[in-house]
């Protein structure tokens, strides 16, 4: 009797289930894919490729009508880099859930570490670190750990204010904290920019809810005014929450609120107006800060100094 041939994926329970169907769904569902694998599997023909798909990077294609979100853009870059590449920088921050810098940076470029350097196509930057960075797996792709990602984001930013804001954001929404960042930085001693990151860590505050709040805190911290706390809750006599101030000084009852775009809606403006009236009735002097004031720190400082003086504070020489 001739031998019976069977599908090894079905007959060997130790083997993972076949993934061809998932690959077909990815190709025709608008996910980036390696063209050689799709052609070899017979999922599409070269005629299909010319008429229904477009090239993203060498060997990496996507359905012609597909609009890539940041995660798909990152996967396309990783497919180009190969299975030994590690996603890093803003792309790693975005995948970790960081709320501000990751998506902004991915719009311009996706950073990868590769064990050997190769010229990258537009939209991809290859890092040339000598050692493989600490990483974990995200949907099959190697991604730097949140602590390592925070360091890489901060050390490649020219501005200290922006670097601290990135560290704040990674600690609040990116799955890390100052202690983990410090431990990772010590393990990277001697690498470019790491010493600078260690010097910035004392200024980090995971309570900051946006880069503009971080910038406001840092400007205030450089003045001779009383110290502010982040996210100060103000409650009325019954214990009900009246407002949560971006920055507040409980002793002098001075608060600062940054007016970002989310405050421009009619409903939000109405709610803010009511909160300001209730805060005033509780003895608080609250100043609203705009982006324009952040660009003029001296004017901002005079503006806030006036609030403290109104509350009875006097600068001691």
C-alpha atoms as a PDB file:
ATOM      1  CA  UNK A   1       0.000   0.000   0.000  1.00  0.00           C
ATOM      2  CA  UNK A   2       1.352   3.428  -0.839  1.00  0.00           C
ATOM      3  CA  UNK A   3       2.032   5.734   2.127  1.00  0.00           C
ATOM      4  CA  UNK A   4      -0.745   8.094   3.110  1.00  0.00           C
ATOM      5  CA  UNK A   5       0.201  11.750   2.843  1.00  0.00           C
ATOM      6  CA  UNK A   6      -1.305  14.158   5.346  1.00  0.00           C
ATOM      7  CA  UNK A   7      -0.949  17.804   6.232  1.00  0.00           C
ATOM      8  CA  UNK A   8       1.900  17.945   8.793  1.00  0.00           C
ATOM      9  CA  UNK A   9       0.285  20.949  10.456  1.00  0.00           C
ATOM     10  CA  UNK A  10      -2.748  18.785  11.180  1.00  0.00           C
ATOM     11  CA  UNK A  11      -0.980  15.520  12.041  1.00  0.00           C
ATOM     12  CA  UNK A  12       1.625  16.949  14.405  1.00  0.00           C
ATOM     13  CA  UNK A  13      -0.066  18.479  17.448  1.00  0.00           C
ATOM     14  CA  UNK A  14       3.247  20.080  18.488  1.00  0.00           C
ATOM     15  CA  UNK A  15       3.275  22.320  15.384  1.00  0.00           C
ATOM     16  CA  UNK A  16       1.461  25.657  15.443  1.00  0.00           C
ATOM     17  CA  UNK A  17      -1.743  25.936  13.388  1.00  0.00           C
ATOM     18  CA  UNK A  18      -1.335  27.019   9.769  1.00  0.00           C
ATOM     19  CA  UNK A  19      -1.326  30.771   9.261  1.00  0.00           C
ATOM     20  CA  UNK A  20      -1.991  30.989   5.534  1.00  0.00           C
ATOM     21  CA  UNK A  21      -5.582  32.182   6.049  1.00  0.00           C
ATOM     22  CA  UNK A  22      -4.429  34.952   8.368  1.00  0.00           C
ATOM     23  CA  UNK A  23      -1.810  35.984   5.803  1.00  0.00           C
ATOM     24  CA  UNK A  24      -4.461  36.174   3.069  1.00  0.00           C
ATOM     25  CA  UNK A  25      -6.659  38.337   5.304  1.00  0.00           C
ATOM     26  CA  UNK A  26      -3.705  40.619   6.006  1.00  0.00           C
ATOM     27  CA  UNK A  27      -2.781  41.022   2.326  1.00  0.00           C
ATOM     28  CA  UNK A  28      -6.303  41.746   1.122  1.00  0.00           C
ATOM     29  CA  UNK A  29      -7.371  43.501   4.318  1.00  0.00           C
ATOM     30  CA  UNK A  30      -4.893  46.355   3.934  1.00  0.00           C
ATOM     31  CA  UNK A  31      -2.001  45.214   6.135  1.00  0.00           C
ATOM     32  CA  UNK A  32       1.625  45.678   4.995  1.00  0.00           C
ATOM     33  CA  UNK A  33       3.210  42.419   3.773  1.00  0.00           C
ATOM     34  CA  UNK A  34       6.395  41.005   2.265  1.00  0.00           C
ATOM     35  CA  UNK A  35       5.785  40.637  -1.446  1.00  0.00           C
ATOM     36  CA  UNK A  36       8.062  37.634  -1.955  1.00  0.00           C
ATOM     37  CA  UNK A  37       6.125  35.630   0.631  1.00  0.00           C
ATOM     38  CA  UNK A  38       2.794  36.520  -0.983  1.00  0.00           C
ATOM     39  CA  UNK A  39       4.011  35.613  -4.476  1.00  0.00           C
ATOM     40  CA  UNK A  40       5.592  32.354  -3.328  1.00  0.00           C
ATOM     41  CA  UNK A  41       2.402  31.330  -1.547  1.00  0.00           C
ATOM     42  CA  UNK A  42       0.322  32.068  -4.648  1.00  0.00           C
ATOM     43  CA  UNK A  43      -1.828  34.559  -2.765  1.00  0.00           C
ATOM     44  CA  UNK A  44      -1.422  37.084  -5.568  1.00  0.00           C
ATOM     45  CA  UNK A  45       0.165  37.367  -8.981  1.00  0.00           C
ATOM     46  CA  UNK A  46       2.513  39.992 -10.397  1.00  0.00           C
ATOM     47  CA  UNK A  47      -0.449  41.345 -12.353  1.00  0.00           C
ATOM     48  CA  UNK A  48      -2.325  41.756  -9.041  1.00  0.00           C
ATOM     49  CA  UNK A  49       0.726  43.480  -7.621  1.00  0.00           C
ATOM     50  CA  UNK A  50       0.869  46.022 -10.420  1.00  0.00           C
ATOM     51  CA  UNK A  51      -2.831  46.831 -10.449  1.00  0.00           C
ATOM     52  CA  UNK A  52      -4.103  46.426  -6.896  1.00  0.00           C
ATOM     53  CA  UNK A  53      -1.165  47.099  -4.578  1.00  0.00           C
ATOM     54  CA  UNK A  54       1.485  49.751  -3.981  1.00  0.00           C
ATOM     55  CA  UNK A  55       5.039  49.590  -2.680  1.00  0.00           C
ATOM     56  CA  UNK A  56       5.778  51.093   0.727  1.00  0.00           C
ATOM     57  CA  UNK A  57       9.435  50.078   1.014  1.00  0.00           C
ATOM     58  CA  UNK A  58      11.637  47.670  -0.931  1.00  0.00           C
ATOM     59  CA  UNK A  59       9.897  44.231  -0.728  1.00  0.00           C
ATOM     60  CA  UNK A  60       7.056  45.657   1.385  1.00  0.00           C
ATOM     61  CA  UNK A  61       3.649  46.293  -0.213  1.00  0.00           C
ATOM     62  CA  UNK A  62       0.118  47.174   0.817  1.00  0.00           C
ATOM     63  CA  UNK A  63      -3.276  47.290  -0.878  1.00  0.00           C
ATOM     64  CA  UNK A  64      -3.392  50.386  -3.105  1.00  0.00           C
ATOM     65  CA  UNK A  65      -6.415  51.928  -1.376  1.00  0.00           C
ATOM     66  CA  UNK A  66      -5.214  51.277   2.168  1.00  0.00           C
ATOM     67  CA  UNK A  67      -4.603  54.208   4.516  1.00  0.00           C
ATOM     68  CA  UNK A  68      -2.058  53.157   7.130  1.00  0.00           C
ATOM     69  CA  UNK A  69      -2.461  53.992  10.777  1.00  0.00           C
ATOM     70  CA  UNK A  70       0.726  54.522  12.862  1.00  0.00           C
ATOM     71  CA  UNK A  71       0.914  50.877  14.003  1.00  0.00           C
ATOM     72  CA  UNK A  72       0.682  49.644  10.394  1.00  0.00           C
ATOM     73  CA  UNK A  73       3.334  52.143   9.329  1.00  0.00           C
ATOM     74  CA  UNK A  74       5.587  50.767  12.072  1.00  0.00           C
ATOM     75  CA  UNK A  75       4.961  47.172  10.981  1.00  0.00           C
ATOM     76  CA  UNK A  76       5.836  48.073   7.387  1.00  0.00           C
ATOM     77  CA  UNK A  77       9.167  49.495   8.551  1.00  0.00           C
ATOM     78  CA  UNK A  78       9.859  46.419  10.684  1.00  0.00           C
ATOM     79  CA  UNK A  79       9.116  44.100   7.750  1.00  0.00           C
ATOM     80  CA  UNK A  80      11.677  46.021   5.714  1.00  0.00           C
ATOM     81  CA  UNK A  81      14.210  45.812   8.553  1.00  0.00           C
ATOM     82  CA  UNK A  82      13.870  42.071   8.980  1.00  0.00           C
ATOM     83  CA  UNK A  83      13.060  39.798  11.927  1.00  0.00           C
ATOM     84  CA  UNK A  84      16.235  40.717  13.828  1.00  0.00           C
ATOM     85  CA  UNK A  85      15.456  44.438  13.826  1.00  0.00           C
ATOM     86  CA  UNK A  86      14.154  46.178  16.963  1.00  0.00           C
ATOM     87  CA  UNK A  87      11.615  48.996  16.879  1.00  0.00           C
ATOM     88  CA  UNK A  88      12.805  51.955  18.937  1.00  0.00           C
ATOM     89  CA  UNK A  89      12.322  55.693  19.525  1.00  0.00           C
ATOM     90  CA  UNK A  90       8.940  57.271  18.883  1.00  0.00           C
ATOM     91  CA  UNK A  91       7.595  54.137  17.195  1.00  0.00           C
ATOM     92  CA  UNK A  92       8.292  52.087  20.326  1.00  0.00           C
ATOM     93  CA  UNK A  93       6.701  54.815  22.435  1.00  0.00           C
ATOM     94  CA  UNK A  94       3.548  54.725  20.328  1.00  0.00           C
ATOM     95  CA  UNK A  95       3.256  50.945  20.646  1.00  0.00           C
ATOM     96  CA  UNK A  96       3.766  51.252  24.424  1.00  0.00           C
ATOM     97  CA  UNK A  97       0.766  53.576  24.614  1.00  0.00           C
ATOM     98  CA  UNK A  98       2.611  56.880  25.067  1.00  0.00           C
ATOM     99  CA  UNK A  99       0.053  59.562  24.344  1.00  0.00           C
ATOM    100  CA  UNK A 100       1.865  62.460  22.691  1.00  0.00           C
ATOM    101  CA  UNK A 101       5.339  62.098  21.212  1.00  0.00           C
ATOM    102  CA  UNK A 102       5.109  58.634  19.663  1.00  0.00           C
ATOM    103  CA  UNK A 103       2.412  59.300  17.086  1.00  0.00           C
ATOM    104  CA  UNK A 104       3.893  62.731  16.284  1.00  0.00           C
ATOM    105  CA  UNK A 105       7.340  61.245  15.603  1.00  0.00           C
ATOM    106  CA  UNK A 106       5.995  58.286  13.614  1.00  0.00           C
ATOM    107  CA  UNK A 107       4.411  60.718  11.168  1.00  0.00           C
ATOM    108  CA  UNK A 108       7.943  61.703  10.134  1.00  0.00           C
ATOM    109  CA  UNK A 109       9.945  58.504  10.627  1.00  0.00           C
ATOM    110  CA  UNK A 110      10.122  55.051  12.166  1.00  0.00           C
ATOM    111  CA  UNK A 111      13.334  54.240  14.012  1.00  0.00           C
ATOM    112  CA  UNK A 112      14.821  50.737  13.932  1.00  0.00           C
ATOM    113  CA  UNK A 113      17.882  49.123  15.401  1.00  0.00           C
ATOM    114  CA  UNK A 114      19.487  46.482  13.179  1.00  0.00           C
ATOM    115  CA  UNK A 115      22.470  44.230  13.934  1.00  0.00           C
ATOM    116  CA  UNK A 116      24.034  45.331  10.642  1.00  0.00           C
ATOM    117  CA  UNK A 117      23.592  48.705   9.025  1.00  0.00           C
ATOM    118  CA  UNK A 118      21.800  49.119   5.728  1.00  0.00           C
ATOM    119  CA  UNK A 119      20.673  52.214   3.827  1.00  0.00           C
ATOM    120  CA  UNK A 120      17.102  52.945   4.812  1.00  0.00           C
ATOM    121  CA  UNK A 121      14.339  54.139   2.469  1.00  0.00           C
ATOM    122  CA  UNK A 122      12.551  57.440   3.178  1.00  0.00           C
ATOM    123  CA  UNK A 123      10.555  57.345   6.406  1.00  0.00           C
ATOM    124  CA  UNK A 124      12.858  54.874   8.194  1.00  0.00           C
ATOM    125  CA  UNK A 125      15.923  55.685  10.303  1.00  0.00           C
ATOM    126  CA  UNK A 126      18.370  52.933  11.238  1.00  0.00           C
ATOM    127  CA  UNK A 127      20.177  53.335  14.560  1.00  0.00           C
ATOM    128  CA  UNK A 128      23.749  52.063  14.786  1.00  0.00           C
ATOM    129  CA  UNK A 129      24.053  51.060  18.458  1.00  0.00           C
ATOM    130  CA  UNK A 130      26.669  48.380  19.035  1.00  0.00           C
ATOM    131  CA  UNK A 131      24.642  46.244  21.456  1.00  0.00           C
ATOM    132  CA  UNK A 132      21.137  44.884  21.015  1.00  0.00           C
ATOM    133  CA  UNK A 133      18.788  47.115  23.051  1.00  0.00           C
ATOM    134  CA  UNK A 134      16.599  45.634  25.780  1.00  0.00           C
ATOM    135  CA  UNK A 135      13.358  44.680  24.124  1.00  0.00           C
ATOM    136  CA  UNK A 136      10.134  42.709  24.328  1.00  0.00           C
ATOM    137  CA  UNK A 137       7.703  41.330  21.758  1.00  0.00           C
ATOM    138  CA  UNK A 138       4.636  43.208  20.520  1.00  0.00           C
ATOM    139  CA  UNK A 139       2.485  41.188  18.087  1.00  0.00           C
ATOM    140  CA  UNK A 140       5.566  39.303  16.944  1.00  0.00           C
ATOM    141  CA  UNK A 141       7.796  42.365  16.553  1.00  0.00           C
ATOM    142  CA  UNK A 142      10.760  43.223  18.785  1.00  0.00           C
ATOM    143  CA  UNK A 143      10.208  46.592  20.508  1.00  0.00           C
ATOM    144  CA  UNK A 144      12.465  48.330  23.026  1.00  0.00           C
ATOM    145  CA  UNK A 145      11.260  48.130  26.633  1.00  0.00           C
ATOM    146  CA  UNK A 146       9.367  51.164  27.944  1.00  0.00           C
ATOM    147  CA  UNK A 147      12.316  52.264  30.101  1.00  0.00           C
ATOM    148  CA  UNK A 148      14.759  51.989  27.203  1.00  0.00           C
ATOM    149  CA  UNK A 149      12.258  53.766  24.942  1.00  0.00           C
ATOM    150  CA  UNK A 150      11.999  56.668  27.390  1.00  0.00           C
ATOM    151  CA  UNK A 151      15.787  57.050  27.397  1.00  0.00           C
ATOM    152  CA  UNK A 152      16.030  56.941  23.618  1.00  0.00           C
ATOM    153  CA  UNK A 153      13.261  59.517  23.210  1.00  0.00           C
ATOM    154  CA  UNK A 154      14.817  61.930  25.688  1.00  0.00           C
ATOM    155  CA  UNK A 155      18.451  61.631  24.636  1.00  0.00           C
ATOM    156  CA  UNK A 156      17.724  62.384  20.988  1.00  0.00           C
ATOM    157  CA  UNK A 157      15.733  65.548  21.709  1.00  0.00           C
ATOM    158  CA  UNK A 158      17.631  68.812  21.430  1.00  0.00           C
ATOM    159  CA  UNK A 159      15.571  70.668  24.040  1.00  0.00           C
ATOM    160  CA  UNK A 160      15.790  69.716  27.724  1.00  0.00           C
ATOM    161  CA  UNK A 161      12.192  70.882  28.183  1.00  0.00           C
ATOM    162  CA  UNK A 162      10.980  68.589  25.420  1.00  0.00           C
ATOM    163  CA  UNK A 163      13.141  65.742  26.758  1.00  0.00           C
ATOM    164  CA  UNK A 164      11.631  66.047  30.250  1.00  0.00           C
ATOM    165  CA  UNK A 165       8.146  66.235  28.731  1.00  0.00           C
ATOM    166  CA  UNK A 166       8.833  62.981  26.866  1.00  0.00           C
ATOM    167  CA  UNK A 167      10.017  61.315  30.088  1.00  0.00           C
ATOM    168  CA  UNK A 168       6.914  62.599  31.895  1.00  0.00           C
ATOM    169  CA  UNK A 169       4.685  61.201  29.168  1.00  0.00           C
ATOM    170  CA  UNK A 170       6.389  57.787  29.092  1.00  0.00           C
ATOM    171  CA  UNK A 171       5.992  57.551  32.864  1.00  0.00           C
ATOM    172  CA  UNK A 172       2.326  58.521  32.746  1.00  0.00           C
ATOM    173  CA  UNK A 173       1.118  56.574  29.713  1.00  0.00           C
ATOM    174  CA  UNK A 174       4.048  54.534  28.371  1.00  0.00           C
ATOM    175  CA  UNK A 175       4.358  51.874  31.045  1.00  0.00           C
ATOM    176  CA  UNK A 176       7.509  52.913  32.883  1.00  0.00           C
ATOM    177  CA  UNK A 177       8.606  55.002  35.881  1.00  0.00           C
ATOM    178  CA  UNK A 178      11.653  57.046  36.978  1.00  0.00           C
ATOM    179  CA  UNK A 179      13.207  54.134  38.898  1.00  0.00           C
ATOM    180  CA  UNK A 180      13.026  51.808  35.889  1.00  0.00           C
ATOM    181  CA  UNK A 181      14.433  54.525  33.632  1.00  0.00           C
ATOM    182  CA  UNK A 182      17.322  55.126  36.047  1.00  0.00           C
ATOM    183  CA  UNK A 183      18.120  51.396  36.213  1.00  0.00           C
ATOM    184  CA  UNK A 184      18.096  51.118  32.414  1.00  0.00           C
ATOM    185  CA  UNK A 185      20.256  54.241  32.114  1.00  0.00           C
ATOM    186  CA  UNK A 186      22.870  52.868  34.525  1.00  0.00           C
ATOM    187  CA  UNK A 187      23.039  49.722  32.399  1.00  0.00           C
ATOM    188  CA  UNK A 188      23.700  51.950  29.363  1.00  0.00           C
ATOM    189  CA  UNK A 189      26.485  53.967  31.021  1.00  0.00           C
ATOM    190  CA  UNK A 190      28.835  55.524  28.489  1.00  0.00           C
ATOM    191  CA  UNK A 191      26.375  55.606  25.608  1.00  0.00           C
ATOM    192  CA  UNK A 192      25.589  58.914  23.931  1.00  0.00           C
ATOM    193  CA  UNK A 193      23.132  61.106  25.810  1.00  0.00           C
ATOM    194  CA  UNK A 194      22.551  58.740  28.741  1.00  0.00           C
ATOM    195  CA  UNK A 195      24.324  60.943  31.284  1.00  0.00           C
ATOM    196  CA  UNK A 196      22.102  63.837  30.198  1.00  0.00           C
ATOM    197  CA  UNK A 197      18.983  61.737  30.752  1.00  0.00           C
ATOM    198  CA  UNK A 198      20.134  60.846  34.278  1.00  0.00           C
ATOM    199  CA  UNK A 199      20.597  64.554  34.964  1.00  0.00           C
ATOM    200  CA  UNK A 200      17.038  65.274  33.808  1.00  0.00           C
ATOM    201  CA  UNK A 201      15.350  62.532  35.843  1.00  0.00           C
ATOM    202  CA  UNK A 202      14.976  64.626  39.048  1.00  0.00           C
ATOM    203  CA  UNK A 203      12.784  67.030  37.066  1.00  0.00           C
ATOM    204  CA  UNK A 204      10.400  64.275  35.906  1.00  0.00           C
ATOM    205  CA  UNK A 205       6.821  64.280  37.180  1.00  0.00           C
ATOM    206  CA  UNK A 206       4.599  61.381  36.026  1.00  0.00           C
ATOM    207  CA  UNK A 207       1.507  63.377  37.027  1.00  0.00           C
ATOM    208  CA  UNK A 208       1.896  65.797  34.118  1.00  0.00           C
ATOM    209  CA  UNK A 209      -0.949  65.167  31.686  1.00  0.00           C
ATOM    210  CA  UNK A 210       0.502  66.864  28.596  1.00  0.00           C
ATOM    211  CA  UNK A 211       3.806  68.226  27.270  1.00  0.00           C
ATOM    212  CA  UNK A 212       2.502  71.783  27.736  1.00  0.00           C
ATOM    213  CA  UNK A 213       1.808  71.082  31.407  1.00  0.00           C
ATOM    214  CA  UNK A 214       5.370  69.774  31.702  1.00  0.00           C
ATOM    215  CA  UNK A 215       6.693  72.949  30.085  1.00  0.00           C
ATOM    216  CA  UNK A 216       4.626  75.140  32.406  1.00  0.00           C
ATOM    217  CA  UNK A 217       5.922  73.244  35.457  1.00  0.00           C
ATOM    218  CA  UNK A 218       9.533  73.602  34.352  1.00  0.00           C
ATOM    219  CA  UNK A 219       9.159  77.344  33.718  1.00  0.00           C
ATOM    220  CA  UNK A 220       7.660  77.834  37.163  1.00  0.00           C
ATOM    221  CA  UNK A 221      10.351  75.673  38.758  1.00  0.00           C
ATOM    222  CA  UNK A 222      13.027  78.006  37.416  1.00  0.00           C
ATOM    223  CA  UNK A 223      11.536  81.061  39.168  1.00  0.00           C
ATOM    224  CA  UNK A 224      11.762  82.317  42.762  1.00  0.00           C
ATOM    225  CA  UNK A 225       8.031  81.787  43.289  1.00  0.00           C
ATOM    226  CA  UNK A 226       6.612  79.286  45.792  1.00  0.00           C
ATOM    227  CA  UNK A 227       6.685  75.670  44.646  1.00  0.00           C
ATOM    228  CA  UNK A 228       3.740  74.167  42.781  1.00  0.00           C
ATOM    229  CA  UNK A 229       2.377  70.610  42.938  1.00  0.00           C
ATOM    230  CA  UNK A 230       0.884  68.825  39.932  1.00  0.00           C
ATOM    231  CA  UNK A 231      -2.775  67.808  39.629  1.00  0.00           C
ATOM    232  CA  UNK A 232      -3.991  69.466  42.828  1.00  0.00           C
ATOM    233  CA  UNK A 233      -7.547  68.540  43.727  1.00  0.00           C
ATOM    234  CA  UNK A 234      -9.683  71.297  45.239  1.00  0.00           C
ATOM    235  CA  UNK A 235     -12.786  70.205  47.151  1.00  0.00           C
ATOM    236  CA  UNK A 236     -15.597  72.156  48.759  1.00  0.00           C
ATOM    237  CA  UNK A 237     -16.756  71.990  52.376  1.00  0.00           C
ATOM    238  CA  UNK A 238     -18.731  68.818  51.693  1.00  0.00           C
ATOM    239  CA  UNK A 239     -15.756  67.061  50.094  1.00  0.00           C
ATOM    240  CA  UNK A 240     -17.087  67.304  46.541  1.00  0.00           C
ATOM    241  CA  UNK A 241     -14.466  67.818  43.850  1.00  0.00           C
ATOM    242  CA  UNK A 242     -14.566  71.355  42.466  1.00  0.00           C
ATOM    243  CA  UNK A 243     -11.559  71.223  40.149  1.00  0.00           C
ATOM    244  CA  UNK A 244      -8.249  69.489  39.542  1.00  0.00           C
ATOM    245  CA  UNK A 245      -5.621  72.132  38.881  1.00  0.00           C
ATOM    246  CA  UNK A 246      -2.720  71.443  36.522  1.00  0.00           C
ATOM    247  CA  UNK A 247      -0.455  73.164  39.049  1.00  0.00           C
ATOM    248  CA  UNK A 248      -1.382  74.360  42.516  1.00  0.00           C
ATOM    249  CA  UNK A 249       0.117  75.752  45.703  1.00  0.00           C
ATOM    250  CA  UNK A 250      -2.080  74.787  48.624  1.00  0.00           C
ATOM    251  CA  UNK A 251      -0.543  77.181  51.144  1.00  0.00           C
ATOM    252  CA  UNK A 252      -1.169  80.314  49.087  1.00  0.00           C
ATOM    253  CA  UNK A 253      -4.145  78.913  47.201  1.00  0.00           C
ATOM    254  CA  UNK A 254      -2.723  79.803  43.805  1.00  0.00           C
ATOM    255  CA  UNK A 255      -3.491  77.581  40.826  1.00  0.00           C
ATOM    256  CA  UNK A 256      -2.556  77.398  37.167  1.00  0.00           C
ATOM    257  CA  UNK A 257      -4.558  75.814  34.360  1.00  0.00           C
ATOM    258  CA  UNK A 258      -3.169  75.360  30.864  1.00  0.00           C
ATOM    259  CA  UNK A 259      -5.773  76.146  28.208  1.00  0.00           C
ATOM    260  CA  UNK A 260      -5.148  73.644  25.412  1.00  0.00           C
ATOM    261  CA  UNK A 261      -7.342  72.888  22.420  1.00  0.00           C
ATOM    262  CA  UNK A 262      -9.600  70.666  24.498  1.00  0.00           C
ATOM    263  CA  UNK A 263     -10.745  73.800  26.378  1.00  0.00           C
ATOM    264  CA  UNK A 264     -12.038  75.492  23.212  1.00  0.00           C
ATOM    265  CA  UNK A 265     -15.385  73.693  22.981  1.00  0.00           C
ATOM    266  CA  UNK A 266     -18.469  75.544  24.179  1.00  0.00           C
ATOM    267  CA  UNK A 267     -19.324  72.900  26.767  1.00  0.00           C
ATOM    268  CA  UNK A 268     -15.777  72.873  28.155  1.00  0.00           C
ATOM    269  CA  UNK A 269     -15.617  76.683  28.319  1.00  0.00           C
ATOM    270  CA  UNK A 270     -18.916  76.782  30.202  1.00  0.00           C
ATOM    271  CA  UNK A 271     -17.691  74.149  32.652  1.00  0.00           C
ATOM    272  CA  UNK A 272     -14.399  75.987  33.152  1.00  0.00           C
ATOM    273  CA  UNK A 273     -16.237  79.238  33.901  1.00  0.00           C
ATOM    274  CA  UNK A 274     -18.345  77.590  36.593  1.00  0.00           C
ATOM    275  CA  UNK A 275     -15.266  75.954  38.128  1.00  0.00           C
ATOM    276  CA  UNK A 276     -13.408  79.295  38.218  1.00  0.00           C
ATOM    277  CA  UNK A 277     -16.294  80.925  40.092  1.00  0.00           C
ATOM    278  CA  UNK A 278     -16.415  78.094  42.634  1.00  0.00           C
ATOM    279  CA  UNK A 279     -12.637  78.184  43.100  1.00  0.00           C
ATOM    280  CA  UNK A 280     -12.766  81.917  43.765  1.00  0.00           C
ATOM    281  CA  UNK A 281     -15.499  81.378  46.363  1.00  0.00           C
ATOM    282  CA  UNK A 282     -13.145  78.968  48.149  1.00  0.00           C
ATOM    283  CA  UNK A 283     -10.366  81.567  48.235  1.00  0.00           C
ATOM    284  CA  UNK A 284      -8.300  80.322  45.294  1.00  0.00           C
ATOM    285  CA  UNK A 285      -6.616  82.642  42.804  1.00  0.00           C
ATOM    286  CA  UNK A 286      -6.398  80.663  39.559  1.00  0.00           C
ATOM    287  CA  UNK A 287      -4.688  81.891  36.407  1.00  0.00           C
ATOM    288  CA  UNK A 288      -5.330  80.406  32.984  1.00  0.00           C
ATOM    289  CA  UNK A 289      -2.206  79.995  30.847  1.00  0.00           C
ATOM    290  CA  UNK A 290      -2.148  79.957  27.056  1.00  0.00           C
ATOM    291  CA  UNK A 291       0.507  78.741  24.635  1.00  0.00           C
ATOM    292  CA  UNK A 292       1.444  82.351  23.932  1.00  0.00           C
ATOM    293  CA  UNK A 293       2.398  82.852  27.581  1.00  0.00           C
ATOM    294  CA  UNK A 294       4.593  79.760  27.488  1.00  0.00           C
ATOM    295  CA  UNK A 295       6.552  81.457  24.694  1.00  0.00           C
ATOM    296  CA  UNK A 296       7.221  84.499  26.935  1.00  0.00           C
ATOM    297  CA  UNK A 297       8.436  83.113  30.292  1.00  0.00           C
ATOM    298  CA  UNK A 298       9.127  86.552  31.783  1.00  0.00           C
ATOM    299  CA  UNK A 299       5.603  87.737  31.076  1.00  0.00           C
ATOM    300  CA  UNK A 300       4.236  84.461  32.433  1.00  0.00           C
ATOM    301  CA  UNK A 301       6.274  84.802  35.615  1.00  0.00           C
ATOM    302  CA  UNK A 302       4.980  88.349  36.223  1.00  0.00           C
ATOM    303  CA  UNK A 303       1.457  87.093  35.568  1.00  0.00           C
ATOM    304  CA  UNK A 304       1.786  84.325  38.179  1.00  0.00           C
ATOM    305  CA  UNK A 305       3.690  86.519  40.629  1.00  0.00           C
ATOM    306  CA  UNK A 306       0.672  88.838  40.631  1.00  0.00           C
ATOM    307  CA  UNK A 307      -1.535  85.945  41.743  1.00  0.00           C
ATOM    308  CA  UNK A 308       0.735  85.144  44.694  1.00  0.00           C
ATOM    309  CA  UNK A 309       0.965  88.794  45.715  1.00  0.00           C
ATOM    310  CA  UNK A 310      -2.817  89.073  45.599  1.00  0.00           C
ATOM    311  CA  UNK A 311      -2.927  86.183  48.065  1.00  0.00           C
ATOM    312  CA  UNK A 312      -0.548  87.969  50.457  1.00  0.00           C
ATOM    313  CA  UNK A 313       2.796  86.428  49.447  1.00  0.00           C
ATOM    314  CA  UNK A 314       5.834  88.635  49.635  1.00  0.00           C
ATOM    315  CA  UNK A 315       9.207  87.827  48.110  1.00  0.00           C
ATOM    316  CA  UNK A 316      11.889  87.633  50.779  1.00  0.00           C
ATOM    317  CA  UNK A 317      15.366  88.764  49.700  1.00  0.00           C
END
